[in-house]
């Protein structure tokens, strides 16, 4: 079963970003997921399957996009 991610969620990835952060905010959700580094503001777009493998845990919940 696919994991559910929403815009505004803050997730922790397995690998550390070169700036030292592991926390990323989800900006866009779809076939690709766009995330923003919480420290330096760098934006990345990853395919959903790679993103789901790289996520360690959800740090905080954002707003629900569908109810």
N, C-alpha and C. Protein backbone atom coordinates (compact mmCIF):
# COMPACT_ATOMS: atom_id res chain seq x y z
N UNK A 1 0.84 -1.18 0.00
CA UNK A 1 0.00 0.00 0.00
C UNK A 1 0.89 1.25 0.00
N UNK A 2 0.64 2.19 -0.92
CA UNK A 2 1.48 3.39 -0.99
C UNK A 2 1.29 4.28 0.24
N UNK A 3 2.37 4.93 0.63
CA UNK A 3 2.32 5.85 1.75
C UNK A 3 1.62 7.13 1.32
N UNK A 4 0.96 7.80 2.26
CA UNK A 4 0.26 9.04 1.94
C UNK A 4 1.08 10.23 2.42
N UNK A 5 1.37 11.14 1.50
CA UNK A 5 2.10 12.36 1.81
C UNK A 5 1.25 13.54 1.41
N UNK A 6 1.31 14.61 2.19
CA UNK A 6 0.54 15.82 1.91
C UNK A 6 1.46 17.03 1.84
N UNK A 7 0.99 18.06 1.16
CA UNK A 7 1.73 19.31 1.07
C UNK A 7 1.88 19.88 2.48
N UNK A 8 3.09 20.30 2.81
CA UNK A 8 3.36 20.88 4.12
C UNK A 8 3.94 19.90 5.12
N UNK A 9 3.88 18.59 4.81
CA UNK A 9 4.50 17.60 5.70
C UNK A 9 6.01 17.83 5.74
N UNK A 10 6.62 17.62 6.89
CA UNK A 10 8.07 17.66 7.02
C UNK A 10 8.53 16.24 7.25
N UNK A 11 9.44 15.76 6.36
CA UNK A 11 9.92 14.39 6.43
C UNK A 11 11.42 14.37 6.68
N UNK A 12 11.89 13.28 7.26
CA UNK A 12 13.32 13.08 7.46
C UNK A 12 13.78 12.02 6.46
N UNK A 13 14.82 12.36 5.69
CA UNK A 13 15.37 11.43 4.72
C UNK A 13 16.52 10.65 5.33
N UNK A 14 16.86 9.52 4.71
CA UNK A 14 17.94 8.67 5.22
C UNK A 14 19.30 9.34 5.08
N UNK A 15 19.53 10.03 3.95
CA UNK A 15 20.82 10.68 3.72
C UNK A 15 20.78 12.13 4.14
N UNK A 16 21.92 12.62 4.61
CA UNK A 16 22.04 14.02 5.01
C UNK A 16 22.36 14.88 3.79
N UNK A 17 21.73 16.05 3.70
CA UNK A 17 22.01 17.02 2.65
C UNK A 17 23.38 17.65 2.95
N UNK A 18 24.13 18.09 1.95
CA UNK A 18 25.45 18.70 2.20
C UNK A 18 25.43 19.87 3.19
N UNK A 19 24.29 20.54 3.35
CA UNK A 19 24.21 21.65 4.31
C UNK A 19 24.08 21.14 5.75
N UNK A 20 23.83 19.84 5.93
CA UNK A 20 23.74 19.25 7.27
C UNK A 20 22.33 18.88 7.70
N UNK A 21 21.33 19.21 6.90
CA UNK A 21 19.94 18.93 7.26
C UNK A 21 19.49 17.57 6.76
N UNK A 22 18.59 16.94 7.50
CA UNK A 22 17.92 15.72 7.05
C UNK A 22 16.43 15.96 6.88
N UNK A 23 15.95 17.16 7.25
CA UNK A 23 14.53 17.46 7.21
C UNK A 23 14.16 18.26 5.97
N UNK A 24 13.07 17.83 5.32
CA UNK A 24 12.60 18.44 4.08
C UNK A 24 11.10 18.66 4.16
N UNK A 25 10.63 19.77 3.59
CA UNK A 25 9.20 20.07 3.54
C UNK A 25 8.68 19.70 2.16
N UNK A 26 7.53 19.04 2.10
CA UNK A 26 6.92 18.65 0.83
C UNK A 26 6.20 19.85 0.25
N UNK A 27 6.55 20.19 -0.99
CA UNK A 27 5.99 21.36 -1.68
C UNK A 27 4.95 20.94 -2.72
N UNK A 28 5.18 19.80 -3.39
CA UNK A 28 4.29 19.34 -4.46
C UNK A 28 4.16 17.83 -4.35
N UNK A 29 2.95 17.31 -4.58
CA UNK A 29 2.70 15.88 -4.53
C UNK A 29 2.04 15.46 -5.83
N UNK A 30 2.51 14.37 -6.41
CA UNK A 30 1.96 13.82 -7.64
C UNK A 30 2.79 12.62 -8.03
N UNK A 31 2.98 12.41 -9.33
CA UNK A 31 3.86 11.32 -9.78
C UNK A 31 5.29 11.61 -9.35
N UNK A 32 5.63 12.90 -9.30
CA UNK A 32 6.90 13.36 -8.76
C UNK A 32 6.60 14.12 -7.47
N UNK A 33 7.56 14.15 -6.56
CA UNK A 33 7.38 14.88 -5.31
C UNK A 33 8.48 15.93 -5.22
N UNK A 34 8.07 17.18 -4.98
CA UNK A 34 9.00 18.29 -4.85
C UNK A 34 9.18 18.59 -3.37
N UNK A 35 10.44 18.67 -2.95
CA UNK A 35 10.74 18.91 -1.54
C UNK A 35 11.71 20.09 -1.40
N UNK A 36 11.65 20.74 -0.24
CA UNK A 36 12.50 21.90 0.03
C UNK A 36 13.27 21.65 1.33
N UNK A 37 14.59 21.87 1.29
CA UNK A 37 15.43 21.71 2.47
C UNK A 37 15.03 22.74 3.51
N UNK A 38 14.93 22.30 4.77
CA UNK A 38 14.49 23.19 5.85
C UNK A 38 15.58 24.19 6.27
N UNK A 39 16.84 23.91 5.95
CA UNK A 39 17.92 24.83 6.35
C UNK A 39 18.30 25.78 5.21
N UNK A 40 18.68 25.23 4.06
CA UNK A 40 19.21 26.09 2.98
C UNK A 40 18.18 26.47 1.93
N UNK A 41 17.01 25.81 1.90
CA UNK A 41 15.97 26.17 0.95
C UNK A 41 16.11 25.55 -0.43
N UNK A 42 17.05 24.64 -0.60
CA UNK A 42 17.27 23.96 -1.88
C UNK A 42 16.03 23.16 -2.26
N UNK A 43 15.63 23.20 -3.54
CA UNK A 43 14.47 22.45 -4.02
C UNK A 43 14.93 21.23 -4.81
N UNK A 44 14.28 20.10 -4.57
CA UNK A 44 14.54 18.87 -5.32
C UNK A 44 13.23 18.29 -5.79
N UNK A 45 13.23 17.69 -6.98
CA UNK A 45 12.07 16.95 -7.45
C UNK A 45 12.50 15.51 -7.68
N UNK A 46 11.82 14.59 -7.01
CA UNK A 46 12.16 13.16 -7.09
C UNK A 46 10.95 12.38 -7.57
N UNK A 47 11.19 11.28 -8.32
CA UNK A 47 10.07 10.39 -8.63
C UNK A 47 9.51 9.80 -7.34
N UNK A 48 8.21 9.57 -7.30
CA UNK A 48 7.54 9.11 -6.08
C UNK A 48 8.17 7.84 -5.52
N UNK A 49 8.49 6.86 -6.37
CA UNK A 49 9.04 5.59 -5.87
C UNK A 49 10.41 5.79 -5.20
N UNK A 50 11.26 6.64 -5.74
CA UNK A 50 12.56 6.92 -5.11
C UNK A 50 12.36 7.68 -3.80
N UNK A 51 11.44 8.65 -3.80
CA UNK A 51 11.16 9.42 -2.59
C UNK A 51 10.68 8.51 -1.46
N UNK A 52 9.76 7.59 -1.77
CA UNK A 52 9.22 6.69 -0.74
C UNK A 52 10.31 5.79 -0.15
N UNK A 53 11.29 5.40 -0.96
CA UNK A 53 12.41 4.59 -0.46
C UNK A 53 13.33 5.41 0.44
N UNK A 54 13.51 6.69 0.12
CA UNK A 54 14.45 7.56 0.83
C UNK A 54 13.91 8.12 2.14
N UNK A 55 12.58 8.13 2.34
CA UNK A 55 12.00 8.71 3.55
C UNK A 55 12.21 7.77 4.73
N UNK A 56 12.71 8.34 5.82
CA UNK A 56 12.92 7.59 7.05
C UNK A 56 11.67 7.68 7.93
N UNK A 57 11.16 8.92 8.13
CA UNK A 57 9.95 9.12 8.93
C UNK A 57 9.36 10.49 8.63
N UNK A 58 8.09 10.66 9.04
CA UNK A 58 7.42 11.95 8.94
C UNK A 58 7.61 12.67 10.26
N UNK A 59 8.20 13.86 10.22
CA UNK A 59 8.48 14.64 11.43
C UNK A 59 7.23 15.39 11.88
N UNK A 60 6.56 16.07 10.96
CA UNK A 60 5.33 16.79 11.31
C UNK A 60 4.36 16.73 10.14
N UNK A 61 3.08 16.78 10.48
CA UNK A 61 2.03 16.70 9.49
C UNK A 61 1.67 18.10 8.98
N UNK A 62 1.40 18.17 7.68
CA UNK A 62 0.94 19.42 7.09
C UNK A 62 -0.56 19.36 6.93
N UNK A 63 -1.08 20.20 6.05
CA UNK A 63 -2.53 20.20 5.83
C UNK A 63 -2.95 19.05 4.91
N UNK A 64 -4.14 18.55 5.10
CA UNK A 64 -4.68 17.49 4.25
C UNK A 64 -5.13 18.10 2.94
N UNK A 65 -4.79 17.43 1.80
CA UNK A 65 -5.18 17.96 0.50
C UNK A 65 -6.52 17.39 0.05
N UNK A 66 -6.88 16.19 0.50
CA UNK A 66 -8.16 15.58 0.13
C UNK A 66 -8.84 15.02 1.36
N UNK A 67 -10.13 15.29 1.48
CA UNK A 67 -10.86 14.78 2.63
C UNK A 67 -12.12 14.10 2.20
